[in-house]
Amino acid sequence: RLCDYLDVSQPTLYRMFATQTGMGPLAYVHRARMDRARVLLTGDARSVKEVAHTLGYEHANDFSRAYKRFFGMNPSVTL
């Protein structure tokens, strides 16, 4: 959808993203979600389940796995 909106091909979008951010669009979005997750877990009195749903994860387990893969620790440790 983003390619259609910007009227560019996927390789062009990827190249533009990589030039500006050093990573592809999906990696950028994933990093932004994980950074936001860390802020929500450390700043607010929210549960892991609440943070998962805030970030658009349907299941808290999916969020927990993604968080652990990204940061190397469970999100509950961040609380």
PDB file of N, CA and C in Angstrom:
ATOM      1  N   ARG A   1       0.810  -1.198   0.000  1.00  0.00           N
ATOM      2  CA  ARG A   1       0.000   0.000   0.000  1.00  0.00           C
ATOM      3  C   ARG A   1       0.855   1.265   0.000  1.00  0.00           C
ATOM      4  N   LEU A   2       1.936   1.219   0.741  1.00  0.00           N
ATOM      5  CA  LEU A   2       2.812   2.385   0.799  1.00  0.00           C
ATOM      6  C   LEU A   2       3.427   2.669  -0.570  1.00  0.00           C
ATOM      7  N   CYS A   3       3.811   1.612  -1.268  1.00  0.00           N
ATOM      8  CA  CYS A   3       4.370   1.786  -2.622  1.00  0.00           C
ATOM      9  C   CYS A   3       3.342   2.439  -3.539  1.00  0.00           C
ATOM     10  N   ASP A   4       2.093   1.988  -3.450  1.00  0.00           N
ATOM     11  CA  ASP A   4       1.036   2.579  -4.266  1.00  0.00           C
ATOM     12  C   ASP A   4       0.825   4.043  -3.900  1.00  0.00           C
ATOM     13  N   TYR A   5       0.816   4.329  -2.614  1.00  0.00           N
ATOM     14  CA  TYR A   5       0.607   5.691  -2.154  1.00  0.00           C
ATOM     15  C   TYR A   5       1.716   6.621  -2.649  1.00  0.00           C
ATOM     16  N   LEU A   6       2.948   6.140  -2.593  1.00  0.00           N
ATOM     17  CA  LEU A   6       4.096   6.951  -3.027  1.00  0.00           C
ATOM     18  C   LEU A   6       4.365   6.845  -4.520  1.00  0.00           C
ATOM     19  N   ASP A   7       3.661   5.914  -5.157  1.00  0.00           N
ATOM     20  CA  ASP A   7       3.824   5.665  -6.592  1.00  0.00           C
ATOM     21  C   ASP A   7       5.261   5.301  -6.942  1.00  0.00           C
ATOM     22  N   VAL A   8       5.810   4.344  -6.176  1.00  0.00           N
ATOM     23  CA  VAL A   8       7.144   3.817  -6.435  1.00  0.00           C
ATOM     24  C   VAL A   8       7.094   2.294  -6.365  1.00  0.00           C
ATOM     25  N   SER A   9       8.081   1.650  -6.944  1.00  0.00           N
ATOM     26  CA  SER A   9       8.145   0.190  -6.888  1.00  0.00           C
ATOM     27  C   SER A   9       8.681  -0.246  -5.524  1.00  0.00           C
ATOM     28  N   GLN A  10       8.516  -1.528  -5.206  1.00  0.00           N
ATOM     29  CA  GLN A  10       9.027  -2.040  -3.937  1.00  0.00           C
ATOM     30  C   GLN A  10      10.540  -1.901  -3.826  1.00  0.00           C
ATOM     31  N   PRO A  11      11.298  -2.255  -4.875  1.00  0.00           N
ATOM     32  CA  PRO A  11      12.753  -2.066  -4.753  1.00  0.00           C
ATOM     33  C   PRO A  11      13.153  -0.600  -4.531  1.00  0.00           C
ATOM     34  N   THR A  12      12.441   0.308  -5.166  1.00  0.00           N
ATOM     35  CA  THR A  12      12.737   1.731  -4.983  1.00  0.00           C
ATOM     36  C   THR A  12      12.439   2.160  -3.550  1.00  0.00           C
ATOM     37  N   LEU A  13      11.309   1.721  -3.015  1.00  0.00           N
ATOM     38  CA  LEU A  13      10.958   2.051  -1.637  1.00  0.00           C
ATOM     39  C   LEU A  13      11.998   1.494  -0.675  1.00  0.00           C
ATOM     40  N   TYR A  14      12.393   0.257  -0.896  1.00  0.00           N
ATOM     41  CA  TYR A  14      13.395  -0.354  -0.036  1.00  0.00           C
ATOM     42  C   TYR A  14      14.703   0.439  -0.093  1.00  0.00           C
ATOM     43  N   ARG A  15      15.116   0.790  -1.285  1.00  0.00           N
ATOM     44  CA  ARG A  15      16.365   1.552  -1.465  1.00  0.00           C
ATOM     45  C   ARG A  15      16.268   2.911  -0.773  1.00  0.00           C
ATOM     46  N   MET A  16      15.131   3.594  -0.911  1.00  0.00           N
ATOM     47  CA  MET A  16      14.942   4.897  -0.268  1.00  0.00           C
ATOM     48  C   MET A  16      15.024   4.755   1.252  1.00  0.00           C
ATOM     49  N   PHE A  17      14.358   3.743   1.784  1.00  0.00           N
ATOM     50  CA  PHE A  17      14.377   3.505   3.225  1.00  0.00           C
ATOM     51  C   PHE A  17      15.782   3.192   3.703  1.00  0.00           C
ATOM     52  N   ALA A  18      16.452   2.306   2.976  1.00  0.00           N
ATOM     53  CA  ALA A  18      17.792   1.896   3.380  1.00  0.00           C
ATOM     54  C   ALA A  18      18.761   3.076   3.349  1.00  0.00           C
ATOM     55  N   THR A  19      18.607   3.947   2.390  1.00  0.00           N
ATOM     56  CA  THR A  19      19.465   5.124   2.293  1.00  0.00           C
ATOM     57  C   THR A  19      19.256   6.050   3.493  1.00  0.00           C
ATOM     58  N   GLN A  20      18.017   6.247   3.879  1.00  0.00           N
ATOM     59  CA  GLN A  20      17.705   7.190   4.955  1.00  0.00           C
ATOM     60  C   GLN A  20      17.869   6.609   6.356  1.00  0.00           C
ATOM     61  N   THR A  21      17.565   5.304   6.516  1.00  0.00           N
ATOM     62  CA  THR A  21      17.532   4.728   7.859  1.00  0.00           C
ATOM     63  C   THR A  21      18.555   3.628   8.097  1.00  0.00           C
ATOM     64  N   GLY A  22      19.129   3.111   7.018  1.00  0.00           N
ATOM     65  CA  GLY A  22      20.069   2.004   7.167  1.00  0.00           C
ATOM     66  C   GLY A  22      19.398   0.658   7.296  1.00  0.00           C
ATOM     67  N   MET A  23      18.073   0.610   7.117  1.00  0.00           N
ATOM     68  CA  MET A  23      17.330  -0.657   7.206  1.00  0.00           C
ATOM     69  C   MET A  23      16.122  -0.599   6.289  1.00  0.00           C
ATOM     70  N   GLY A  24      15.539  -1.741   6.034  1.00  0.00           N
ATOM     71  CA  GLY A  24      14.355  -1.808   5.193  1.00  0.00           C
ATOM     72  C   GLY A  24      13.113  -1.349   5.936  1.00  0.00           C
ATOM     73  N   PRO A  25      12.001  -1.159   5.214  1.00  0.00           N
ATOM     74  CA  PRO A  25      10.764  -0.668   5.827  1.00  0.00           C
ATOM     75  C   PRO A  25      10.227  -1.563   6.940  1.00  0.00           C
ATOM     76  N   LEU A  26      10.229  -2.872   6.731  1.00  0.00           N
ATOM     77  CA  LEU A  26       9.702  -3.771   7.758  1.00  0.00           C
ATOM     78  C   LEU A  26      10.574  -3.764   9.003  1.00  0.00           C
ATOM     79  N   ALA A  27      11.880  -3.757   8.823  1.00  0.00           N
ATOM     80  CA  ALA A  27      12.787  -3.701   9.970  1.00  0.00           C
ATOM     81  C   ALA A  27      12.604  -2.398  10.734  1.00  0.00           C
ATOM     82  N   TYR A  28      12.379  -1.316  10.005  1.00  0.00           N
ATOM     83  CA  TYR A  28      12.164  -0.014  10.627  1.00  0.00           C
ATOM     84  C   TYR A  28      10.890  -0.020  11.480  1.00  0.00           C
ATOM     85  N   VAL A  29       9.818  -0.550  10.934  1.00  0.00           N
ATOM     86  CA  VAL A  29       8.544  -0.623  11.664  1.00  0.00           C
ATOM     87  C   VAL A  29       8.696  -1.519  12.891  1.00  0.00           C
ATOM     88  N   HIS A  30       9.361  -2.655  12.708  1.00  0.00           N
ATOM     89  CA  HIS A  30       9.556  -3.571  13.833  1.00  0.00           C
ATOM     90  C   HIS A  30      10.365  -2.898  14.942  1.00  0.00           C
ATOM     91  N   ARG A  31      11.430  -2.220  14.574  1.00  0.00           N
ATOM     92  CA  ARG A  31      12.257  -1.517  15.560  1.00  0.00           C
ATOM     93  C   ARG A  31      11.438  -0.440  16.286  1.00  0.00           C
ATOM     94  N   ALA A  32      10.648   0.303  15.535  1.00  0.00           N
ATOM     95  CA  ALA A  32       9.818   1.354  16.146  1.00  0.00           C
ATOM     96  C   ALA A  32       8.823   0.753  17.136  1.00  0.00           C
ATOM     97  N   ARG A  33       8.219  -0.379  16.776  1.00  0.00           N
ATOM     98  CA  ARG A  33       7.270  -1.040  17.686  1.00  0.00           C
ATOM     99  C   ARG A  33       7.969  -1.515  18.950  1.00  0.00           C
ATOM    100  N   MET A  34       9.148  -2.087  18.791  1.00  0.00           N
ATOM    101  CA  MET A  34       9.869  -2.604  19.958  1.00  0.00           C
ATOM    102  C   MET A  34      10.374  -1.467  20.845  1.00  0.00           C
ATOM    103  N   ASP A  35      10.815  -0.379  20.248  1.00  0.00           N
ATOM    104  CA  ASP A  35      11.219   0.788  21.037  1.00  0.00           C
ATOM    105  C   ASP A  35      10.036   1.348  21.816  1.00  0.00           C
ATOM    106  N   ARG A  36       8.896   1.421  21.159  1.00  0.00           N
ATOM    107  CA  ARG A  36       7.674   1.897  21.831  1.00  0.00           C
ATOM    108  C   ARG A  36       7.275   0.941  22.953  1.00  0.00           C
ATOM    109  N   ALA A  37       7.421  -0.357  22.718  1.00  0.00           N
ATOM    110  CA  ALA A  37       7.090  -1.357  23.732  1.00  0.00           C
ATOM    111  C   ALA A  37       7.937  -1.144  24.980  1.00  0.00           C
ATOM    112  N   ARG A  38       9.226  -0.921  24.775  1.00  0.00           N
ATOM    113  CA  ARG A  38      10.116  -0.717  25.923  1.00  0.00           C
ATOM    114  C   ARG A  38       9.705   0.522  26.716  1.00  0.00           C
ATOM    115  N   VAL A  39       9.350   1.592  26.005  1.00  0.00           N
ATOM    116  CA  VAL A  39       8.912   2.818  26.686  1.00  0.00           C
ATOM    117  C   VAL A  39       7.636   2.557  27.477  1.00  0.00           C
ATOM    118  N   LEU A  40       6.680   1.873  26.866  1.00  0.00           N
ATOM    119  CA  LEU A  40       5.420   1.594  27.554  1.00  0.00           C
ATOM    120  C   LEU A  40       5.618   0.683  28.759  1.00  0.00           C
ATOM    121  N   LEU A  41       6.502  -0.286  28.637  1.00  0.00           N
ATOM    122  CA  LEU A  41       6.723  -1.220  29.737  1.00  0.00           C
ATOM    123  C   LEU A  41       7.468  -0.578  30.900  1.00  0.00           C
ATOM    124  N   THR A  42       8.356   0.352  30.615  1.00  0.00           N
ATOM    125  CA  THR A  42       9.131   0.964  31.694  1.00  0.00           C
ATOM    126  C   THR A  42       8.468   2.218  32.257  1.00  0.00           C
ATOM    127  N   GLY A  43       7.683   2.923  31.456  1.00  0.00           N
ATOM    128  CA  GLY A  43       7.122   4.186  31.896  1.00  0.00           C
ATOM    129  C   GLY A  43       5.743   4.098  32.502  1.00  0.00           C
ATOM    130  N   ASP A  44       4.919   3.250  31.959  1.00  0.00           N
ATOM    131  CA  ASP A  44       3.537   3.149  32.424  1.00  0.00           C
ATOM    132  C   ASP A  44       3.381   1.919  33.306  1.00  0.00           C
ATOM    133  N   ALA A  45       2.334   1.929  34.073  1.00  0.00           N
ATOM    134  CA  ALA A  45       2.014   0.765  34.894  1.00  0.00           C
ATOM    135  C   ALA A  45       1.096  -0.160  34.085  1.00  0.00           C
ATOM    136  N   ARG A  46       1.591  -0.579  32.919  1.00  0.00           N
ATOM    137  CA  ARG A  46       0.803  -1.450  32.054  1.00  0.00           C
ATOM    138  C   ARG A  46       1.352  -2.864  32.104  1.00  0.00           C
ATOM    139  N   SER A  47       0.450  -3.802  31.911  1.00  0.00           N
ATOM    140  CA  SER A  47       0.869  -5.197  31.845  1.00  0.00           C
ATOM    141  C   SER A  47       1.410  -5.505  30.455  1.00  0.00           C
ATOM    142  N   VAL A  48       2.082  -6.637  30.338  1.00  0.00           N
ATOM    143  CA  VAL A  48       2.599  -7.076  29.049  1.00  0.00           C
ATOM    144  C   VAL A  48       1.437  -7.242  28.071  1.00  0.00           C
ATOM    145  N   LYS A  49       0.348  -7.771  28.541  1.00  0.00           N
ATOM    146  CA  LYS A  49      -0.828  -7.985  27.690  1.00  0.00           C
ATOM    147  C   LYS A  49      -1.387  -6.655  27.173  1.00  0.00           C
ATOM    148  N   GLU A  50      -1.454  -5.654  28.029  1.00  0.00           N
ATOM    149  CA  GLU A  50      -1.936  -4.337  27.611  1.00  0.00           C
ATOM    150  C   GLU A  50      -1.021  -3.709  26.569  1.00  0.00           C
ATOM    151  N   VAL A  51       0.284  -3.826  26.777  1.00  0.00           N
ATOM    152  CA  VAL A  51       1.241  -3.272  25.820  1.00  0.00           C
ATOM    153  C   VAL A  51       1.117  -3.995  24.484  1.00  0.00           C
ATOM    154  N   ALA A  52       0.990  -5.304  24.529  1.00  0.00           N
ATOM    155  CA  ALA A  52       0.844  -6.096  23.301  1.00  0.00           C
ATOM    156  C   ALA A  52      -0.365  -5.617  22.499  1.00  0.00           C
ATOM    157  N   HIS A  53      -1.471  -5.434  23.153  1.00  0.00           N
ATOM    158  CA  HIS A  53      -2.674  -4.983  22.449  1.00  0.00           C
ATOM    159  C   HIS A  53      -2.559  -3.534  21.980  1.00  0.00           C
ATOM    160  N   THR A  54      -1.899  -2.694  22.741  1.00  0.00           N
ATOM    161  CA  THR A  54      -1.670  -1.309  22.334  1.00  0.00           C
ATOM    162  C   THR A  54      -0.859  -1.250  21.042  1.00  0.00           C
ATOM    163  N   LEU A  55       0.091  -2.164  20.901  1.00  0.00           N
ATOM    164  CA  LEU A  55       0.955  -2.181  19.725  1.00  0.00           C
ATOM    165  C   LEU A  55       0.373  -2.968  18.559  1.00  0.00           C
ATOM    166  N   GLY A  56      -0.832  -3.497  18.736  1.00  0.00           N
ATOM    167  CA  GLY A  56      -1.500  -4.174  17.628  1.00  0.00           C
ATOM    168  C   GLY A  56      -1.324  -5.672  17.562  1.00  0.00           C
ATOM    169  N   TYR A  57      -0.738  -6.263  18.570  1.00  0.00           N
ATOM    170  CA  TYR A  57      -0.604  -7.717  18.601  1.00  0.00           C
ATOM    171  C   TYR A  57      -1.919  -8.313  19.074  1.00  0.00           C
ATOM    172  N   GLU A  58      -2.378  -9.320  18.374  1.00  0.00           N
ATOM    173  CA  GLU A  58      -3.634  -9.980  18.751  1.00  0.00           C
ATOM    174  C   GLU A  58      -3.435 -10.857  19.986  1.00  0.00           C
ATOM    175  N   HIS A  59      -2.255 -11.457  20.071  1.00  0.00           N
ATOM    176  CA  HIS A  59      -1.946 -12.353  21.181  1.00  0.00           C
ATOM    177  C   HIS A  59      -0.690 -11.874  21.905  1.00  0.00           C
ATOM    178  N   ALA A  60      -0.762 -11.830  23.211  1.00  0.00           N
ATOM    179  CA  ALA A  60       0.374 -11.379  24.013  1.00  0.00           C
ATOM    180  C   ALA A  60       1.584 -12.296  23.830  1.00  0.00           C
ATOM    181  N   ASN A  61       1.357 -13.577  23.567  1.00  0.00           N
ATOM    182  CA  ASN A  61       2.475 -14.504  23.361  1.00  0.00           C
ATOM    183  C   ASN A  61       3.281 -14.133  22.119  1.00  0.00           C
ATOM    184  N   ASP A  62       2.606 -13.701  21.063  1.00  0.00           N
ATOM    185  CA  ASP A  62       3.313 -13.271  19.849  1.00  0.00           C
ATOM    186  C   ASP A  62       4.197 -12.059  20.156  1.00  0.00           C
ATOM    187  N   PHE A  63       3.654 -11.137  20.913  1.00  0.00           N
ATOM    188  CA  PHE A  63       4.427  -9.963  21.317  1.00  0.00           C
ATOM    189  C   PHE A  63       5.625 -10.360  22.165  1.00  0.00           C
ATOM    190  N   SER A  64       5.412 -11.238  23.132  1.00  0.00           N
ATOM    191  CA  SER A  64       6.496 -11.665  24.017  1.00  0.00           C
ATOM    192  C   SER A  64       7.627 -12.318  23.239  1.00  0.00           C
ATOM    193  N   ARG A  65       7.287 -13.163  22.264  1.00  0.00           N
ATOM    194  CA  ARG A  65       8.314 -13.806  21.441  1.00  0.00           C
ATOM    195  C   ARG A  65       9.091 -12.774  20.629  1.00  0.00           C
ATOM    196  N   ALA A  66       8.373 -11.829  20.022  1.00  0.00           N
ATOM    197  CA  ALA A  66       9.028 -10.791  19.214  1.00  0.00           C
ATOM    198  C   ALA A  66       9.934  -9.926  20.092  1.00  0.00           C
ATOM    199  N   TYR A  67       9.472  -9.574  21.272  1.00  0.00           N
ATOM    200  CA  TYR A  67      10.250  -8.748  22.192  1.00  0.00           C
ATOM    201  C   TYR A  67      11.520  -9.479  22.620  1.00  0.00           C
ATOM    202  N   LYS A  68      11.379 -10.752  22.949  1.00  0.00           N
ATOM    203  CA  LYS A  68      12.540 -11.529  23.382  1.00  0.00           C
ATOM    204  C   LYS A  68      13.548 -11.686  22.249  1.00  0.00           C
ATOM    205  N   ARG A  69      13.069 -11.906  21.032  1.00  0.00           N
ATOM    206  CA  ARG A  69      13.973 -12.010  19.889  1.00  0.00           C
ATOM    207  C   ARG A  69      14.731 -10.701  19.671  1.00  0.00           C
ATOM    208  N   PHE A  70      14.040  -9.588  19.863  1.00  0.00           N
ATOM    209  CA  PHE A  70      14.641  -8.279  19.592  1.00  0.00           C
ATOM    210  C   PHE A  70      15.604  -7.850  20.695  1.00  0.00           C
ATOM    211  N   PHE A  71      15.177  -7.973  21.960  1.00  0.00           N
ATOM    212  CA  PHE A  71      15.974  -7.465  23.080  1.00  0.00           C
ATOM    213  C   PHE A  71      16.762  -8.543  23.830  1.00  0.00           C
ATOM    214  N   GLY A  72      16.427  -9.815  23.574  1.00  0.00           N
ATOM    215  CA  GLY A  72      17.134 -10.896  24.270  1.00  0.00           C
ATOM    216  C   GLY A  72      16.647 -11.154  25.683  1.00  0.00           C
ATOM    217  N   MET A  73      15.497 -10.598  26.032  1.00  0.00           N
ATOM    218  CA  MET A  73      14.907 -10.828  27.353  1.00  0.00           C
ATOM    219  C   MET A  73      13.390 -10.763  27.240  1.00  0.00           C
ATOM    220  N   ASN A  74      12.731 -11.373  28.183  1.00  0.00           N
ATOM    221  CA  ASN A  74      11.270 -11.335  28.197  1.00  0.00           C
ATOM    222  C   ASN A  74      10.788  -9.960  28.567  1.00  0.00           C
ATOM    223  N   PRO A  75       9.632  -9.551  28.035  1.00  0.00           N
ATOM    224  CA  PRO A  75       9.125  -8.224  28.377  1.00  0.00           C
ATOM    225  C   PRO A  75       8.811  -8.072  29.857  1.00  0.00           C
ATOM    226  N   SER A  76       8.474  -9.157  30.532  1.00  0.00           N
ATOM    227  CA  SER A  76       8.158  -9.064  31.961  1.00  0.00           C
ATOM    228  C   SER A  76       9.375  -8.672  32.778  1.00  0.00           C
ATOM    229  N   VAL A  77      10.577  -8.937  32.280  1.00  0.00           N
ATOM    230  CA  VAL A  77      11.808  -8.545  32.962  1.00  0.00           C
ATOM    231  C   VAL A  77      11.968  -7.018  32.917  1.00  0.00           C
ATOM    232  N   THR A  78      11.467  -6.402  31.852  1.00  0.00           N
ATOM    233  CA  THR A  78      11.572  -4.958  31.685  1.00  0.00           C
ATOM    234  C   THR A  78      10.705  -4.211  32.695  1.00  0.00           C
ATOM    235  N   LEU A  79       9.619  -4.856  33.117  1.00  0.00           N
ATOM    236  CA  LEU A  79       8.736  -4.202  34.092  1.00  0.00           C
ATOM    237  C   LEU A  79       9.526  -3.949  35.328  1.00  0.00           C
TER     238      LEU A  79
END
